[in-house]
Amino acid sequence: MTEPAVASSDATNIRTMIMRDGDHWVINGAMLRNIDCKIMILMGRLRLPSLCDLRVGMRTALGQVGQVR
């Protein structure tokens, strides 16, 4: 886990938020990464109206990370 100055190996301290926006997932957070990586596993917090805070993992191609709509 590579959030600057927060989570380290403690998944309960993750600050990155994952939210659903229509057909897309919105990821709000910061990360450190190796520019040679092609795929990453994202760990973040997902808030659902009917549930408490969840910690979830997602796999994504890095070319999709950082896109702004």
Protein backbone atom coordinates (compact mmCIF):
# COMPACT_ATOMS: atom_id res chain seq x y z
CA MET A 1 0.00 0.00 0.00
CA THR A 2 1.59 3.19 -1.17
CA GLU A 3 -0.48 6.14 0.02
CA PRO A 4 1.94 8.90 0.98
CA ALA A 5 2.26 9.25 4.79
CA VAL A 6 -0.78 7.20 5.76
CA ALA A 7 -1.71 3.56 5.36
CA SER A 8 1.56 1.61 5.01
CA SER A 9 0.56 -1.99 5.72
CA ASP A 10 -2.46 -1.02 7.86
CA ALA A 11 -5.49 -1.47 5.59
CA THR A 12 -7.80 0.04 8.23
CA ASN A 13 -6.09 3.42 7.74
CA ILE A 14 -6.63 3.72 3.96
CA ARG A 15 -7.83 7.17 2.87
CA THR A 16 -8.40 6.50 -0.84
CA MET A 17 -12.14 6.58 -1.58
CA ILE A 18 -13.88 4.57 -4.31
CA MET A 19 -17.31 5.81 -5.46
CA ARG A 20 -19.74 4.73 -8.17
CA ASP A 21 -20.78 7.45 -10.65
CA GLY A 22 -23.27 6.02 -13.13
CA ASP A 23 -21.38 3.48 -15.27
CA HIS A 24 -17.95 4.51 -13.93
CA TRP A 25 -15.91 4.16 -10.76
CA VAL A 26 -14.38 7.36 -9.35
CA ILE A 27 -11.17 6.92 -7.35
CA ASN A 28 -10.12 9.81 -5.12
CA GLY A 29 -6.71 9.43 -3.50
CA ALA A 30 -2.96 9.60 -3.94
CA MET A 31 -0.41 6.90 -4.65
CA LEU A 32 3.25 6.26 -5.26
CA ARG A 33 4.08 3.84 -8.06
CA ASN A 34 6.73 2.39 -10.31
CA ILE A 35 6.37 3.79 -13.85
CA ASP A 36 7.20 0.36 -15.32
CA CYS A 37 4.07 -1.26 -13.85
CA LYS A 38 1.27 -2.08 -16.30
CA ILE A 39 -1.39 -3.26 -13.83
CA MET A 40 -2.09 -2.32 -10.24
CA ILE A 41 -4.28 -3.60 -7.44
CA LEU A 42 -6.04 -0.65 -5.84
CA MET A 43 -7.09 -0.79 -2.21
CA GLY A 44 -9.59 1.79 -1.05
CA ARG A 45 -12.67 2.57 0.99
CA LEU A 46 -16.12 2.12 -0.49
CA ARG A 47 -19.12 3.77 1.12
CA LEU A 48 -22.53 2.34 0.35
CA PRO A 49 -25.73 3.91 1.68
CA SER A 50 -27.00 0.65 3.15
CA LEU A 51 -23.68 -0.53 4.61
CA CYS A 52 -20.83 0.73 6.73
CA ASP A 53 -17.42 1.65 5.29
CA LEU A 54 -15.93 -1.26 3.33
CA ARG A 55 -12.31 -1.85 2.33
CA VAL A 56 -12.17 -3.16 -1.23
CA GLY A 57 -9.60 -4.08 -3.86
CA MET A 58 -9.84 -3.39 -7.59
CA ARG A 59 -7.55 -4.35 -10.48
CA THR A 60 -7.00 -1.76 -13.23
CA ALA A 61 -4.67 -1.05 -16.13
CA LEU A 62 -2.47 1.92 -15.24
CA GLY A 63 -3.24 3.67 -18.52
CA GLN A 64 -6.73 4.28 -17.11
CA VAL A 65 -5.52 5.78 -13.84
CA GLY A 66 -5.55 9.56 -13.60
CA GLN A 67 -8.17 10.18 -16.25
CA VAL A 68 -10.25 13.23 -15.45
CA ARG A 69 -13.80 13.73 -16.67
